Amino acid sequence: MNVLAYLVPLALALGLAGLGAFLWSMRAGQYDDLEGASHRVLDDDDLPEK
């Protein structure tokens, strides 16, 4: 039973840390351009000109 006194607050702290990281990434604009990466994969910018 003593283990629960450590595990419950630890689980709550990790959950809050994950939520904080998610909210930080939302504010930083990490999810603004969802289609840009899929279009950049198909670009042939790195091929030499012929």
PDB file of N, CA and C in Angstrom:
ATOM      1  N   MET A   1       0.813  -1.199   0.000  1.00  0.00           N
ATOM      2  CA  MET A   1       0.000   0.000   0.000  1.00  0.00           C
ATOM      3  C   MET A   1       0.857   1.264   0.000  1.00  0.00           C
ATOM      4  N   ASN A   2       2.037   1.178   0.577  1.00  0.00           N
ATOM      5  CA  ASN A   2       2.915   2.347   0.622  1.00  0.00           C
ATOM      6  C   ASN A   2       3.385   2.755  -0.773  1.00  0.00           C
ATOM      7  N   VAL A   3       3.442   1.779  -1.669  1.00  0.00           N
ATOM      8  CA  VAL A   3       3.889   2.061  -3.025  1.00  0.00           C
ATOM      9  C   VAL A   3       2.916   3.009  -3.723  1.00  0.00           C
ATOM     10  N   LEU A   4       1.629   2.896  -3.424  1.00  0.00           N
ATOM     11  CA  LEU A   4       0.631   3.769  -4.049  1.00  0.00           C
ATOM     12  C   LEU A   4       0.851   5.235  -3.682  1.00  0.00           C
ATOM     13  N   ALA A   5       1.403   5.479  -2.522  1.00  0.00           N
ATOM     14  CA  ALA A   5       1.684   6.851  -2.109  1.00  0.00           C
ATOM     15  C   ALA A   5       2.743   7.484  -3.006  1.00  0.00           C
ATOM     16  N   TYR A   6       3.578   6.672  -3.651  1.00  0.00           N
ATOM     17  CA  TYR A   6       4.587   7.174  -4.572  1.00  0.00           C
ATOM     18  C   TYR A   6       4.097   7.147  -6.019  1.00  0.00           C
ATOM     19  N   LEU A   7       3.392   6.084  -6.377  1.00  0.00           N
ATOM     20  CA  LEU A   7       3.014   5.891  -7.773  1.00  0.00           C
ATOM     21  C   LEU A   7       1.899   6.826  -8.236  1.00  0.00           C
ATOM     22  N   VAL A   8       0.931   7.095  -7.403  1.00  0.00           N
ATOM     23  CA  VAL A   8      -0.183   7.960  -7.803  1.00  0.00           C
ATOM     24  C   VAL A   8       0.294   9.386  -8.070  1.00  0.00           C
ATOM     25  N   PRO A   9       1.061  10.012  -7.172  1.00  0.00           N
ATOM     26  CA  PRO A   9       1.560  11.353  -7.500  1.00  0.00           C
ATOM     27  C   PRO A   9       2.520  11.358  -8.688  1.00  0.00           C
ATOM     28  N   LEU A  10       3.312  10.307  -8.822  1.00  0.00           N
ATOM     29  CA  LEU A  10       4.219  10.211  -9.963  1.00  0.00           C
ATOM     30  C   LEU A  10       3.437  10.127 -11.269  1.00  0.00           C
ATOM     31  N   ALA A  11       2.379   9.341 -11.299  1.00  0.00           N
ATOM     32  CA  ALA A  11       1.548   9.221 -12.495  1.00  0.00           C
ATOM     33  C   ALA A  11       0.861  10.542 -12.813  1.00  0.00           C
ATOM     34  N   LEU A  12       0.384  11.237 -11.794  1.00  0.00           N
ATOM     35  CA  LEU A  12      -0.244  12.543 -12.016  1.00  0.00           C
ATOM     36  C   LEU A  12       0.770  13.559 -12.524  1.00  0.00           C
ATOM     37  N   ALA A  13       1.973  13.537 -11.982  1.00  0.00           N
ATOM     38  CA  ALA A  13       3.012  14.466 -12.427  1.00  0.00           C
ATOM     39  C   ALA A  13       3.406  14.197 -13.872  1.00  0.00           C
ATOM     40  N   LEU A  14       3.559  12.931 -14.244  1.00  0.00           N
ATOM     41  CA  LEU A  14       3.908  12.597 -15.627  1.00  0.00           C
ATOM     42  C   LEU A  14       2.780  12.964 -16.587  1.00  0.00           C
ATOM     43  N   GLY A  15       1.546  12.763 -16.160  1.00  0.00           N
ATOM     44  CA  GLY A  15       0.411  13.150 -16.996  1.00  0.00           C
ATOM     45  C   GLY A  15       0.350  14.649 -17.201  1.00  0.00           C
ATOM     46  N   LEU A  16       0.580  15.409 -16.143  1.00  0.00           N
ATOM     47  CA  LEU A  16       0.586  16.866 -16.264  1.00  0.00           C
ATOM     48  C   LEU A  16       1.766  17.357 -17.106  1.00  0.00           C
ATOM     49  N   ALA A  17       2.906  16.683 -17.000  1.00  0.00           N
ATOM     50  CA  ALA A  17       4.056  17.045 -17.827  1.00  0.00           C
ATOM     51  C   ALA A  17       3.755  16.783 -19.305  1.00  0.00           C
ATOM     52  N   GLY A  18       3.108  15.678 -19.608  1.00  0.00           N
ATOM     53  CA  GLY A  18       2.728  15.386 -20.990  1.00  0.00           C
ATOM     54  C   GLY A  18       1.714  16.376 -21.520  1.00  0.00           C
ATOM     55  N   LEU A  19       0.752  16.732 -20.696  1.00  0.00           N
ATOM     56  CA  LEU A  19      -0.233  17.733 -21.099  1.00  0.00           C
ATOM     57  C   LEU A  19       0.430  19.087 -21.314  1.00  0.00           C
ATOM     58  N   GLY A  20       1.346  19.445 -20.450  1.00  0.00           N
ATOM     59  CA  GLY A  20       2.082  20.701 -20.610  1.00  0.00           C
ATOM     60  C   GLY A  20       2.905  20.722 -21.883  1.00  0.00           C
ATOM     61  N   ALA A  21       3.561  19.609 -22.204  1.00  0.00           N
ATOM     62  CA  ALA A  21       4.341  19.537 -23.443  1.00  0.00           C
ATOM     63  C   ALA A  21       3.439  19.642 -24.668  1.00  0.00           C
ATOM     64  N   PHE A  22       2.280  19.031 -24.615  1.00  0.00           N
ATOM     65  CA  PHE A  22       1.332  19.118 -25.726  1.00  0.00           C
ATOM     66  C   PHE A  22       0.830  20.543 -25.908  1.00  0.00           C
ATOM     67  N   LEU A  23       0.460  21.193 -24.806  1.00  0.00           N
ATOM     68  CA  LEU A  23      -0.021  22.572 -24.903  1.00  0.00           C
ATOM     69  C   LEU A  23       1.080  23.515 -25.379  1.00  0.00           C
ATOM     70  N   TRP A  24       2.312  23.282 -24.944  1.00  0.00           N
ATOM     71  CA  TRP A  24       3.433  24.087 -25.421  1.00  0.00           C
ATOM     72  C   TRP A  24       3.620  23.922 -26.930  1.00  0.00           C
ATOM     73  N   SER A  25       3.524  22.693 -27.419  1.00  0.00           N
ATOM     74  CA  SER A  25       3.700  22.458 -28.857  1.00  0.00           C
ATOM     75  C   SER A  25       2.555  23.063 -29.657  1.00  0.00           C
ATOM     76  N   MET A  26       1.370  23.114 -29.099  1.00  0.00           N
ATOM     77  CA  MET A  26       0.250  23.767 -29.791  1.00  0.00           C
ATOM     78  C   MET A  26       0.497  25.268 -29.900  1.00  0.00           C
ATOM     79  N   ARG A  27       0.965  25.888 -28.825  1.00  0.00           N
ATOM     80  CA  ARG A  27       1.232  27.334 -28.839  1.00  0.00           C
ATOM     81  C   ARG A  27       2.413  27.687 -29.717  1.00  0.00           C
ATOM     82  N   ALA A  28       3.378  26.764 -29.852  1.00  0.00           N
ATOM     83  CA  ALA A  28       4.565  27.021 -30.656  1.00  0.00           C
ATOM     84  C   ALA A  28       4.295  26.832 -32.146  1.00  0.00           C
ATOM     85  N   GLY A  29       3.109  26.338 -32.510  1.00  0.00           N
ATOM     86  CA  GLY A  29       2.763  26.188 -33.917  1.00  0.00           C
ATOM     87  C   GLY A  29       3.281  24.924 -34.564  1.00  0.00           C
ATOM     88  N   GLN A  30       3.498  23.879 -33.784  1.00  0.00           N
ATOM     89  CA  GLN A  30       4.025  22.633 -34.334  1.00  0.00           C
ATOM     90  C   GLN A  30       3.046  21.943 -35.279  1.00  0.00           C
ATOM     91  N   TYR A  31       1.763  22.211 -35.139  1.00  0.00           N
ATOM     92  CA  TYR A  31       0.755  21.505 -35.923  1.00  0.00           C
ATOM     93  C   TYR A  31       0.060  22.420 -36.931  1.00  0.00           C
ATOM     94  N   ASP A  32       0.668  23.548 -37.270  1.00  0.00           N
ATOM     95  CA  ASP A  32       0.026  24.507 -38.159  1.00  0.00           C
ATOM     96  C   ASP A  32      -0.021  24.020 -39.609  1.00  0.00           C
ATOM     97  N   ASP A  33       1.072  23.476 -40.107  1.00  0.00           N
ATOM     98  CA  ASP A  33       1.164  23.099 -41.513  1.00  0.00           C
ATOM     99  C   ASP A  33       1.200  21.580 -41.635  1.00  0.00           C
ATOM    100  N   LEU A  34       0.028  20.950 -41.658  1.00  0.00           N
ATOM    101  CA  LEU A  34      -0.016  19.488 -41.700  1.00  0.00           C
ATOM    102  C   LEU A  34       0.232  18.926 -43.091  1.00  0.00           C
ATOM    103  N   GLU A  35      -0.092  19.668 -44.135  1.00  0.00           N
ATOM    104  CA  GLU A  35       0.071  19.152 -45.484  1.00  0.00           C
ATOM    105  C   GLU A  35       1.396  19.550 -46.118  1.00  0.00           C
ATOM    106  N   GLY A  36       2.091  20.498 -45.556  1.00  0.00           N
ATOM    107  CA  GLY A  36       3.350  20.964 -46.129  1.00  0.00           C
ATOM    108  C   GLY A  36       4.412  19.881 -46.172  1.00  0.00           C
ATOM    109  N   ALA A  37       4.516  19.097 -45.112  1.00  0.00           N
ATOM    110  CA  ALA A  37       5.531  18.043 -45.068  1.00  0.00           C
ATOM    111  C   ALA A  37       5.256  16.974 -46.118  1.00  0.00           C
ATOM    112  N   SER A  38       4.000  16.659 -46.344  1.00  0.00           N
ATOM    113  CA  SER A  38       3.708  15.628 -47.350  1.00  0.00           C
ATOM    114  C   SER A  38       4.001  16.128 -48.756  1.00  0.00           C
ATOM    115  N   HIS A  39       3.900  17.419 -48.991  1.00  0.00           N
ATOM    116  CA  HIS A  39       4.242  17.964 -50.308  1.00  0.00           C
ATOM    117  C   HIS A  39       5.754  18.109 -50.472  1.00  0.00           C
ATOM    118  N   ARG A  40       6.457  18.421 -49.397  1.00  0.00           N
ATOM    119  CA  ARG A  40       7.914  18.568 -49.482  1.00  0.00           C
ATOM    120  C   ARG A  40       8.592  17.229 -49.757  1.00  0.00           C
ATOM    121  N   VAL A  41       7.983  16.131 -49.350  1.00  0.00           N
ATOM    122  CA  VAL A  41       8.573  14.818 -49.608  1.00  0.00           C
ATOM    123  C   VAL A  41       8.611  14.551 -51.108  1.00  0.00           C
ATOM    124  N   LEU A  42       7.614  15.019 -51.818  1.00  0.00           N
ATOM    125  CA  LEU A  42       7.510  14.742 -53.242  1.00  0.00           C
ATOM    126  C   LEU A  42       8.308  15.714 -54.106  1.00  0.00           C
ATOM    127  N   ASP A  43       8.825  16.805 -53.538  1.00  0.00           N
ATOM    128  CA  ASP A  43       9.621  17.764 -54.304  1.00  0.00           C
ATOM    129  C   ASP A  43      10.952  17.150 -54.709  1.00  0.00           C
ATOM    130  N   ASP A  44      11.404  17.534 -55.891  1.00  0.00           N
ATOM    131  CA  ASP A  44      12.711  17.071 -56.375  1.00  0.00           C
ATOM    132  C   ASP A  44      13.697  18.220 -56.392  1.00  0.00           C
ATOM    133  N   ASP A  45      13.771  18.976 -55.324  1.00  0.00           N
ATOM    134  CA  ASP A  45      14.663  20.118 -55.257  1.00  0.00           C
ATOM    135  C   ASP A  45      16.137  19.707 -55.238  1.00  0.00           C
ATOM    136  N   ASP A  46      16.426  18.549 -54.715  1.00  0.00           N
ATOM    137  CA  ASP A  46      17.820  18.135 -54.556  1.00  0.00           C
ATOM    138  C   ASP A  46      18.414  17.502 -55.813  1.00  0.00           C
ATOM    139  N   LEU A  47      17.605  17.300 -56.850  1.00  0.00           N
ATOM    140  CA  LEU A  47      18.132  16.718 -58.090  1.00  0.00           C
ATOM    141  C   LEU A  47      18.877  17.778 -58.881  1.00  0.00           C
ATOM    142  N   PRO A  48      20.017  17.414 -59.495  1.00  0.00           N
ATOM    143  CA  PRO A  48      20.757  18.393 -60.286  1.00  0.00           C
ATOM    144  C   PRO A  48      20.011  18.737 -61.571  1.00  0.00           C
ATOM    145  N   GLU A  49      20.221  19.953 -62.039  1.00  0.00           N
ATOM    146  CA  GLU A  49      19.599  20.413 -63.303  1.00  0.00           C
ATOM    147  C   GLU A  49      20.253  19.700 -64.481  1.00  0.00           C
ATOM    148  N   LYS A  50      19.454  19.369 -65.478  1.00  0.00           N
ATOM    149  CA  LYS A  50      19.983  18.700 -66.669  1.00  0.00           C
ATOM    150  C   LYS A  50      20.109  19.674 -67.817  1.00  0.00           C
TER     151      LYS A  50
END
